[in-house]
Amino acid sequence: MKQWYEALFENYAKKYDEENFTQGTLGECDFIEKEINFNKAIKILDVGCGTGRHAIELSKRGYDLTGIDLSESQLRRAKEKADAQNVKIDFRKLDARKLPFDKEFDLSIMLCEGGFPLMETDEMNFEILKNATRALKDKGKFIFTTLNGLFPLFHSVKDFLEASAKEGNAIYDRHSFDLMTFRDQNVIQITDDLGNPKELACNERYYVPSEITWLLKTLGFKTVDIFGARLGAFGRNDPLTPEDFEMLVIAEK
């Protein structure tokens, strides 16, 4: 039986690119470039690359990208977009919990959740962090965003998602946040690229900053910096607060 995140992304690529949370690509890539000092010699791994929006933009700017994703539909769209824009990217269908890479990349990115924290157990989520880390060279850097566990302690996730949605986007309903597990269970309703309505029961893990820091230090990162993740405007000047739905994590070996 397919997990909800596998069923969700079947034939949901063009519509995914229209979601409001995918509209910050240019500013997010500006930030990544600054973090790597505009060094075109580095190799970048995009974990959970989806339709390739960050990989394609960074490739257009002259960087060497490998993009991995579990969804054939998302990867098909990514390849079509890359071909249309005449960029060469190594897109591969791989499970982020079982990556073959070992010390091959200077930077791992995992933006807009990118698999983590969608897995059904904390152990599976940790495998994704572990694999993205193992893919890095000894002085590598890891930049990712994830759901901020401080947010649902102070706010309604349902209200936030409703307020930021626009017509035609996914609809989230029937939220239940568990304080023991920091998991939000909800029902997502979408219409896929073929016009078929889908309703899926989702289960997403929110993380608090201390958990992320501990997990990454366990994996050998020397510095872990966490900030608020502003759509299209990532930066080191935005301290994480309960107002931020997502956190931006920058870890260095």
Protein backbone atom coordinates (compact mmCIF):
# COMPACT_ATOMS: atom_id res chain seq x y z
CA MET A 1 0.00 0.00 0.00
CA LYS A 2 1.32 3.43 -0.95
CA GLN A 3 2.01 6.00 1.75
CA TRP A 4 0.11 9.29 1.54
CA TYR A 5 3.15 11.23 0.30
CA GLU A 6 3.58 8.74 -2.55
CA ALA A 7 -0.09 8.92 -3.57
CA LEU A 8 -0.13 12.72 -3.23
CA PHE A 9 2.59 13.35 -5.80
CA GLU A 10 1.23 11.04 -8.50
CA ASN A 11 0.14 13.32 -11.36
CA TYR A 12 0.53 16.36 -9.11
CA ALA A 13 3.44 18.24 -10.65
CA LYS A 14 2.03 21.12 -12.68
CA LYS A 15 -0.49 21.88 -9.94
CA TYR A 16 2.28 21.59 -7.34
CA ASP A 17 4.27 24.28 -9.17
CA GLU A 18 1.26 26.60 -8.76
CA GLU A 19 1.00 26.18 -4.96
CA ASN A 20 1.73 29.35 -3.00
CA PHE A 21 4.57 27.71 -1.03
CA THR A 22 6.57 27.03 -4.24
CA GLN A 23 6.78 30.66 -5.32
CA GLY A 24 9.96 31.72 -3.50
CA THR A 25 12.52 29.92 -5.65
CA LEU A 26 14.61 32.89 -6.87
CA GLY A 27 15.16 34.43 -3.43
CA GLU A 28 15.88 31.05 -1.88
CA CYS A 29 18.52 30.33 -4.52
CA ASP A 30 20.03 33.80 -3.91
CA PHE A 31 20.50 32.77 -0.28
CA ILE A 32 22.07 29.42 -1.18
CA GLU A 33 24.54 31.15 -3.49
CA LYS A 34 25.63 33.49 -0.69
CA GLU A 35 26.05 30.54 1.70
CA ILE A 36 28.47 28.85 -0.72
CA ASN A 37 30.27 32.08 -1.60
CA PHE A 38 29.19 31.81 -5.25
CA ASN A 39 31.68 28.94 -5.70
CA LYS A 40 30.78 27.32 -9.03
CA ALA A 41 33.22 24.45 -8.44
CA ILE A 42 31.08 22.77 -5.79
CA LYS A 43 28.72 19.83 -6.25
CA ILE A 44 25.17 20.14 -4.87
CA LEU A 45 22.72 17.38 -3.93
CA ASP A 46 19.03 18.38 -3.92
CA VAL A 47 17.18 15.88 -1.69
CA GLY A 48 13.47 15.63 -2.49
CA CYS A 49 13.97 17.89 -5.49
CA GLY A 50 10.34 17.61 -6.60
CA THR A 51 9.77 19.39 -9.90
CA GLY A 52 13.36 20.63 -9.81
CA ARG A 53 12.67 24.28 -9.14
CA HIS A 54 15.78 24.92 -7.00
CA ALA A 55 17.99 22.52 -8.96
CA ILE A 56 17.06 24.11 -12.29
CA GLU A 57 17.53 27.68 -11.05
CA LEU A 58 20.92 26.87 -9.51
CA SER A 59 21.98 24.98 -12.62
CA LYS A 60 21.06 28.02 -14.75
CA ARG A 61 23.41 30.01 -12.51
CA GLY A 62 26.28 27.64 -13.31
CA TYR A 63 26.23 25.06 -10.49
CA ASP A 64 26.58 21.27 -10.74
CA LEU A 65 23.36 19.65 -9.47
CA THR A 66 22.11 16.14 -8.72
CA GLY A 67 18.41 15.95 -7.84
CA ILE A 68 16.75 12.94 -6.21
CA ASP A 69 13.07 12.29 -5.56
CA LEU A 70 10.73 9.38 -4.90
CA SER A 71 8.03 10.59 -7.31
CA GLU A 72 8.26 9.65 -10.98
CA SER A 73 5.62 12.27 -11.80
CA GLN A 74 7.59 15.06 -10.12
CA LEU A 75 10.84 13.96 -11.77
CA ARG A 76 9.20 13.79 -15.19
CA ARG A 77 8.09 17.39 -14.80
CA ALA A 78 11.57 18.37 -13.55
CA LYS A 79 13.22 16.82 -16.62
CA GLU A 80 10.74 18.53 -18.96
CA LYS A 81 11.43 21.91 -17.35
CA ALA A 82 15.20 21.37 -17.42
CA ASP A 83 15.11 20.39 -21.11
CA ALA A 84 12.96 23.41 -21.95
CA GLN A 85 15.49 25.68 -20.25
CA ASN A 86 18.45 23.85 -21.73
CA VAL A 87 20.12 22.85 -18.46
CA LYS A 88 21.72 19.50 -17.67
CA ILE A 89 20.89 18.02 -14.28
CA ASP A 90 21.37 14.47 -13.02
CA PHE A 91 17.82 13.66 -11.88
CA ARG A 92 17.41 10.24 -10.24
CA LYS A 93 14.48 8.35 -8.76
CA LEU A 94 15.79 7.44 -5.32
CA ASP A 95 14.43 7.02 -1.80
CA ALA A 96 16.06 9.57 0.53
CA ARG A 97 16.13 6.91 3.25
CA LYS A 98 18.48 4.78 1.10
CA LEU A 99 20.87 6.97 -0.87
CA PRO A 100 23.98 5.52 -2.56
CA PHE A 101 26.18 8.60 -2.10
CA ASP A 102 29.23 8.72 0.15
CA LYS A 103 31.26 11.95 0.53
CA GLU A 104 30.47 13.10 -3.02
CA PHE A 105 28.91 16.53 -2.47
CA ASP A 106 29.95 19.87 -0.99
CA LEU A 107 26.37 20.89 -0.21
CA SER A 108 23.11 19.04 0.48
CA ILE A 109 19.88 21.04 0.22
CA MET A 110 16.43 19.84 1.25
CA LEU A 111 13.88 22.61 0.87
CA CYS A 112 10.10 22.78 1.23
CA GLU A 113 10.19 19.60 3.38
CA GLY A 114 11.89 17.47 0.68
CA GLY A 115 10.82 14.16 2.24
CA PHE A 116 11.79 15.15 5.77
CA PRO A 117 9.55 15.34 7.91
CA LEU A 118 6.86 13.46 5.98
CA MET A 119 7.90 9.91 6.89
CA GLU A 120 5.70 7.76 9.09
CA THR A 121 8.26 7.30 11.88
CA ASP A 122 10.93 9.45 13.53
CA GLU A 123 13.47 6.76 12.69
CA MET A 124 12.70 7.11 8.96
CA ASN A 125 13.02 10.89 9.17
CA PHE A 126 16.40 10.43 10.84
CA GLU A 127 17.51 8.11 8.01
CA ILE A 128 16.92 10.99 5.58
CA LEU A 129 19.11 13.32 7.65
CA LYS A 130 21.73 10.57 7.91
CA ASN A 131 21.80 9.93 4.15
CA ALA A 132 21.95 13.63 3.23
CA THR A 133 24.86 13.91 5.68
CA ARG A 134 26.71 10.84 4.44
CA ALA A 135 26.54 12.27 0.90
CA LEU A 136 28.66 15.23 2.05
CA LYS A 137 32.41 15.63 1.86
CA ASP A 138 34.31 16.17 5.13
CA LYS A 139 33.81 19.95 5.17
CA GLY A 140 30.32 19.82 3.67
CA LYS A 141 27.30 21.99 4.41
CA PHE A 142 23.64 21.03 4.81
CA ILE A 143 20.83 23.56 4.29
CA PHE A 144 17.21 22.54 4.79
CA THR A 145 13.80 23.71 5.91
CA THR A 146 11.39 21.83 8.12
CA LEU A 147 8.18 22.35 10.07
CA ASN A 148 8.64 24.48 13.20
CA GLY A 149 7.32 22.70 16.29
CA LEU A 150 6.98 26.02 18.14
CA PHE A 151 4.28 27.21 15.71
CA PRO A 152 1.44 24.79 16.63
CA LEU A 153 2.01 25.44 20.35
CA PHE A 154 0.83 29.02 19.80
CA HIS A 155 -1.25 28.92 16.60
CA SER A 156 -3.79 26.90 14.67
CA VAL A 157 -2.11 25.13 11.74
CA LYS A 158 -5.51 24.89 10.04
CA ASP A 159 -6.07 28.66 10.24
CA PHE A 160 -2.57 29.37 8.92
CA LEU A 161 -2.95 27.08 5.91
CA GLU A 162 -6.42 28.42 5.11
CA ALA A 163 -5.22 32.03 5.28
CA SER A 164 -2.29 31.38 2.91
CA ALA A 165 -4.18 29.25 0.36
CA LYS A 166 -5.51 30.52 -2.93
CA GLU A 167 -8.14 29.14 -5.26
CA GLY A 168 -7.10 25.89 -6.91
CA ASN A 169 -4.50 25.09 -4.22
CA ALA A 170 -4.58 22.15 -1.86
CA ILE A 171 -7.15 22.26 0.96
CA TYR A 172 -6.15 21.01 4.44
CA ASP A 173 -8.81 19.94 6.91
CA ARG A 174 -9.51 17.93 10.08
CA HIS A 175 -6.25 18.76 11.84
CA SER A 176 -5.26 16.97 15.03
CA PHE A 177 -1.95 17.94 16.66
CA ASP A 178 -0.53 15.42 19.15
CA LEU A 179 1.59 17.04 21.87
CA MET A 180 3.21 13.70 22.76
CA THR A 181 4.54 13.02 19.26
CA PHE A 182 4.50 16.53 17.70
CA ARG A 183 2.67 15.04 14.73
CA ASP A 184 -0.12 16.81 12.88
CA GLN A 185 -2.67 14.52 11.30
CA ASN A 186 -4.85 16.13 8.66
CA VAL A 187 -6.79 15.44 5.49
CA ILE A 188 -5.54 17.05 2.29
CA GLN A 189 -7.80 17.56 -0.73
CA ILE A 190 -6.29 18.27 -4.14
CA THR A 191 -7.24 18.06 -7.79
CA ASP A 192 -4.38 16.44 -9.72
CA ASP A 193 -3.02 17.40 -13.14
CA LEU A 194 -5.54 15.09 -14.82
CA GLY A 195 -8.47 16.76 -13.08
CA ASN A 196 -9.03 13.92 -10.59
CA PRO A 197 -9.97 14.91 -7.03
CA LYS A 198 -7.95 13.22 -4.27
CA GLU A 199 -8.43 13.09 -0.51
CA LEU A 200 -5.55 11.77 1.57
CA ALA A 201 -4.94 11.31 5.28
CA CYS A 202 -1.57 12.94 6.04
CA ASN A 203 0.76 12.69 8.99
CA GLU A 204 3.55 15.26 9.36
CA ARG A 205 6.16 15.63 12.10
CA TYR A 206 6.95 19.05 13.55
CA TYR A 207 10.38 19.51 15.16
CA VAL A 208 11.54 21.91 17.85
CA PRO A 209 14.97 23.55 17.41
CA SER A 210 16.65 21.61 20.22
CA GLU A 211 15.69 18.30 18.57
CA ILE A 212 17.13 19.34 15.22
CA THR A 213 20.33 20.58 16.86
CA TRP A 214 20.76 17.33 18.81
CA LEU A 215 20.08 15.14 15.74
CA LEU A 216 22.59 17.05 13.61
CA LYS A 217 25.26 17.15 16.32
CA THR A 218 24.80 13.37 16.62
CA LEU A 219 25.58 13.16 12.90
CA GLY A 220 28.85 15.03 13.38
CA PHE A 221 27.99 18.61 12.42
CA LYS A 222 30.12 21.10 14.34
CA THR A 223 27.81 24.10 13.93
CA VAL A 224 24.04 24.15 13.63
CA ASP A 225 22.29 27.49 13.04
CA ILE A 226 18.49 27.76 12.98
CA PHE A 227 16.44 30.71 11.71
CA GLY A 228 12.91 31.52 10.66
CA ALA A 229 12.24 30.44 7.06
CA ARG A 230 10.60 33.28 5.13
CA LEU A 231 9.19 32.28 1.75
CA GLY A 232 11.58 33.49 -0.95
CA ALA A 233 13.60 35.48 1.55
CA PHE A 234 15.81 33.13 3.56
CA GLY A 235 18.34 34.93 5.71
CA ARG A 236 20.54 34.78 8.79
CA ASN A 237 18.93 37.89 10.23
CA ASP A 238 15.58 36.28 11.07
CA PRO A 239 15.66 34.59 14.48
CA LEU A 240 13.25 31.67 14.78
CA THR A 241 10.04 32.54 16.66
CA PRO A 242 6.68 30.81 17.24
CA GLU A 243 5.37 32.97 14.36
CA ASP A 244 7.44 31.02 11.81
CA PHE A 245 5.65 28.05 10.25
CA GLU A 246 8.98 26.66 9.02
CA MET A 247 12.53 26.82 10.26
CA LEU A 248 15.67 27.23 8.17
CA VAL A 249 18.56 25.01 9.27
CA ILE A 250 22.21 25.54 8.25
CA ALA A 251 24.63 22.87 9.46
CA GLU A 252 28.37 22.69 8.82
CA LYS A 253 30.76 19.80 9.37
